[in-house]
Amino acid sequence: MDEILDPTEDKRRFLSSDRIWLYHKNLIPLLVLALFALITAFKLLIGDNYIISYYHITGFALLTTSLVSYFKFRKYFKFVVIVFVGLGLFHIANVNLSTIESSLFGVSFQPLFFLVALYYYAMNFKAINDRIMPQGDRVDPETAKLKYYQSEVEKYRNQFAHYSKEQLEQVILKETSLKAAKEAARGLLEGM
């Protein structure tokens, strides 16, 4: 599913339904929000007694900016959407007349934008997780133990470099010597 789409390949294959969905997966929530915005605009135009506020103006402006950035300025799209969804989540931007707010631990948020944020995370979780915590920073516990052990062996190897053959044999035979120290001493004996 994470394959790179190449628009230069056969056009029919590129525009098949599963590939077009993958290619435009980030547009779907914006289209849903655009639908809510159109319903809101329609209700305002037919003269229902709704009052438009700066929340709605901010929401319409950010929705338009997000759609334009998706089609024309793709490299800025994720930043514009993060701002839009963030402001929408905390009720600074809105595209819907009926505002539904939920509260969790005293913080109110809009469920519509929360669902949009969840959708974006679900569709892009690998990229988001790699951005938050790159693979290079993730360390396997066994690999970390092995690296630590090897560094200990190297430390003892440097410490025992000037020891005589008898002293190295004493380190190996001594029961209280650490495993890394014994391995370093064996390595130095073999090298003599």
Protein backbone atom coordinates (compact mmCIF):
# COMPACT_ATOMS: atom_id res chain seq x y z
CA MET A 1 0.00 0.00 0.00
CA ASP A 2 2.93 2.33 0.58
CA GLU A 3 4.24 1.98 -2.96
CA ILE A 4 5.24 5.11 -4.84
CA LEU A 5 2.84 6.06 -7.59
CA ASP A 6 4.36 6.95 -10.92
CA PRO A 7 2.13 9.08 -13.16
CA THR A 8 4.27 8.27 -16.21
CA GLU A 9 3.13 4.63 -16.25
CA ASP A 10 0.12 3.42 -18.24
CA LYS A 11 -2.65 5.99 -17.74
CA ARG A 12 -5.44 3.43 -17.32
CA ARG A 13 -3.52 1.62 -14.62
CA PHE A 14 -2.59 4.88 -12.87
CA LEU A 15 -6.19 6.09 -12.85
CA SER A 16 -7.69 2.82 -11.62
CA SER A 17 -9.99 3.30 -8.63
CA ASP A 18 -7.64 1.89 -5.98
CA ARG A 19 -4.69 3.98 -7.15
CA ILE A 20 -6.63 7.21 -7.54
CA TRP A 21 -7.89 6.79 -3.97
CA LEU A 22 -4.33 6.27 -2.71
CA TYR A 23 -3.05 9.20 -4.68
CA HIS A 24 -5.76 11.58 -3.39
CA LYS A 25 -6.27 10.15 0.11
CA ASN A 26 -5.47 13.52 1.69
CA LEU A 27 -8.14 15.29 -0.36
CA ILE A 28 -11.09 13.24 0.96
CA PRO A 29 -11.48 15.01 4.33
CA LEU A 30 -11.21 18.38 2.63
CA LEU A 31 -14.02 17.41 0.28
CA VAL A 32 -16.17 16.39 3.25
CA LEU A 33 -15.46 19.73 4.92
CA ALA A 34 -16.20 21.49 1.60
CA LEU A 35 -19.57 19.75 1.54
CA PHE A 36 -20.34 21.10 5.01
CA ALA A 37 -19.20 24.55 3.87
CA LEU A 38 -21.50 24.40 0.82
CA ILE A 39 -24.45 23.42 3.01
CA THR A 40 -23.62 26.32 5.32
CA ALA A 41 -23.37 28.76 2.40
CA PHE A 42 -26.66 27.47 0.98
CA LYS A 43 -28.44 27.93 4.32
CA LEU A 44 -27.07 31.47 4.56
CA LEU A 45 -28.17 32.29 1.00
CA ILE A 46 -31.75 31.06 1.38
CA GLY A 47 -32.18 33.40 4.30
CA ASP A 48 -32.43 31.15 7.30
CA ASN A 49 -31.84 33.03 10.53
CA TYR A 50 -28.25 31.98 10.93
CA ILE A 51 -25.57 34.41 11.92
CA ILE A 52 -22.17 33.99 10.34
CA SER A 53 -19.26 34.66 12.67
CA TYR A 54 -15.53 35.09 12.33
CA TYR A 55 -15.23 31.34 13.06
CA HIS A 56 -17.00 30.62 9.79
CA ILE A 57 -15.07 33.21 7.80
CA THR A 58 -11.80 31.80 9.16
CA GLY A 59 -12.98 28.27 8.35
CA PHE A 60 -14.01 29.16 4.78
CA ALA A 61 -10.73 31.00 4.18
CA LEU A 62 -8.64 28.13 5.52
CA LEU A 63 -10.65 25.55 3.60
CA THR A 64 -10.11 27.51 0.38
CA THR A 65 -6.41 27.90 1.19
CA SER A 66 -6.13 24.17 1.88
CA LEU A 67 -7.80 23.23 -1.40
CA VAL A 68 -5.64 25.67 -3.39
CA SER A 69 -2.49 24.43 -1.67
CA TYR A 70 -3.47 20.82 -2.44
CA PHE A 71 -3.75 21.46 -6.17
CA LYS A 72 -1.22 24.25 -6.75
CA PHE A 73 1.30 24.32 -3.90
CA ARG A 74 1.53 20.71 -2.77
CA LYS A 75 4.72 21.20 -0.75
CA TYR A 76 2.87 23.60 1.60
CA PHE A 77 -0.26 21.47 1.83
CA LYS A 78 0.55 19.58 5.02
CA PHE A 79 1.42 22.77 6.90
CA VAL A 80 -1.79 24.51 5.79
CA VAL A 81 -3.90 21.47 6.72
CA ILE A 82 -2.24 21.15 10.13
CA VAL A 83 -3.09 24.79 10.85
CA PHE A 84 -6.64 24.38 9.50
CA VAL A 85 -7.41 21.20 11.43
CA GLY A 86 -5.72 22.55 14.57
CA LEU A 87 -7.74 25.75 14.52
CA GLY A 88 -10.90 23.84 13.63
CA LEU A 89 -10.31 21.34 16.40
CA PHE A 90 -10.29 24.07 19.06
CA HIS A 91 -13.21 26.00 17.53
CA ILE A 92 -11.28 28.91 16.04
CA ALA A 93 -12.27 27.90 12.51
CA ASN A 94 -15.58 26.29 11.54
CA VAL A 95 -17.33 25.34 8.31
CA ASN A 96 -20.57 24.11 9.83
CA LEU A 97 -23.43 26.22 11.20
CA SER A 98 -24.38 23.81 13.90
CA THR A 99 -21.44 23.76 16.23
CA ILE A 100 -21.15 20.63 18.29
CA GLU A 101 -18.56 20.80 20.99
CA SER A 102 -17.31 18.00 23.15
CA SER A 103 -15.25 18.38 26.25
CA LEU A 104 -12.49 16.08 27.38
CA PHE A 105 -10.64 16.88 30.62
CA GLY A 106 -11.96 20.45 30.49
CA VAL A 107 -10.75 21.11 26.93
CA SER A 108 -13.52 21.62 24.40
CA PHE A 109 -13.07 20.50 20.80
CA GLN A 110 -15.14 19.94 17.69
CA PRO A 111 -15.80 16.27 16.90
CA LEU A 112 -15.92 16.91 13.12
CA PHE A 113 -12.36 18.23 13.08
CA PHE A 114 -11.31 15.56 15.56
CA LEU A 115 -12.52 12.90 13.10
CA VAL A 116 -10.66 14.67 10.30
CA ALA A 117 -7.49 14.68 12.41
CA LEU A 118 -7.95 10.96 13.16
CA TYR A 119 -8.45 10.24 9.45
CA TYR A 120 -5.25 12.08 8.54
CA TYR A 121 -3.35 10.21 11.24
CA ALA A 122 -4.77 6.83 10.15
CA MET A 123 -3.93 7.44 6.49
CA ASN A 124 -0.43 8.81 7.19
CA PHE A 125 0.54 7.09 10.45
CA LYS A 126 3.80 5.64 9.12
CA ALA A 127 5.04 8.99 7.83
CA ILE A 128 3.89 10.81 10.97
CA ASN A 129 5.48 8.28 13.31
CA ASP A 130 8.74 8.30 11.34
CA ARG A 131 8.73 12.11 11.49
CA ILE A 132 8.11 12.14 15.25
CA MET A 133 10.57 9.32 16.03
CA PRO A 134 12.89 8.47 13.12
CA GLN A 135 14.04 4.88 12.66
CA GLY A 136 17.61 5.84 13.57
CA ASP A 137 16.49 6.77 17.08
CA ARG A 138 14.70 3.47 17.69
CA VAL A 139 17.04 1.00 19.35
CA ASP A 140 16.40 -2.70 19.74
CA PRO A 141 17.14 -3.71 23.36
CA GLU A 142 19.26 -6.69 22.26
CA THR A 143 21.31 -4.49 19.93
CA ALA A 144 21.82 -1.97 22.74
CA LYS A 145 23.03 -4.73 25.09
CA LEU A 146 25.42 -6.07 22.45
CA LYS A 147 26.85 -2.60 21.75
CA TYR A 148 27.33 -1.99 25.46
CA TYR A 149 29.07 -5.34 25.91
CA GLN A 150 31.37 -4.68 22.95
CA SER A 151 32.27 -1.26 24.34
CA GLU A 152 33.10 -2.88 27.70
CA VAL A 153 35.34 -5.46 25.98
CA GLU A 154 37.10 -2.66 24.09
CA LYS A 155 37.55 -0.69 27.32
CA TYR A 156 39.18 -3.72 29.03
CA ARG A 157 41.27 -4.45 25.94
CA ASN A 158 42.72 -0.93 26.15
CA GLN A 159 43.21 -1.27 29.90
CA PHE A 160 45.01 -4.63 29.58
CA ALA A 161 47.14 -3.68 26.56
CA HIS A 162 50.31 -3.29 28.64
CA TYR A 163 49.76 -6.41 30.81
CA SER A 164 52.15 -9.34 30.59
CA LYS A 165 51.11 -12.86 29.58
CA GLU A 166 50.99 -14.01 33.23
CA GLN A 167 48.83 -11.08 34.29
CA LEU A 168 46.37 -11.75 31.44
CA GLU A 169 46.15 -15.43 32.46
CA GLN A 170 45.42 -14.36 36.04
CA VAL A 171 42.54 -12.16 34.82
CA ILE A 172 41.09 -15.12 32.89
CA LEU A 173 41.40 -17.54 35.84
CA LYS A 174 40.13 -15.10 38.45
CA GLU A 175 36.49 -15.91 39.27
CA THR A 176 35.59 -12.34 40.17
CA SER A 177 36.60 -10.99 36.73
CA LEU A 178 33.77 -9.83 34.51
CA LYS A 179 32.91 -11.72 31.35
CA ALA A 180 33.91 -8.73 29.20
CA ALA A 181 37.29 -8.50 30.98
CA LYS A 182 37.94 -12.22 30.46
CA GLU A 183 37.06 -11.96 26.75
CA ALA A 184 39.36 -8.96 26.33
CA ALA A 185 42.20 -10.80 28.08
CA ARG A 186 41.65 -13.92 25.86
CA GLY A 187 41.74 -11.73 22.76
CA LEU A 188 45.00 -10.11 23.83
CA LEU A 189 46.55 -13.53 24.67
CA GLU A 190 45.63 -14.86 21.23
CA GLY A 191 47.21 -11.82 19.64
CA MET A 192 50.56 -12.34 21.43
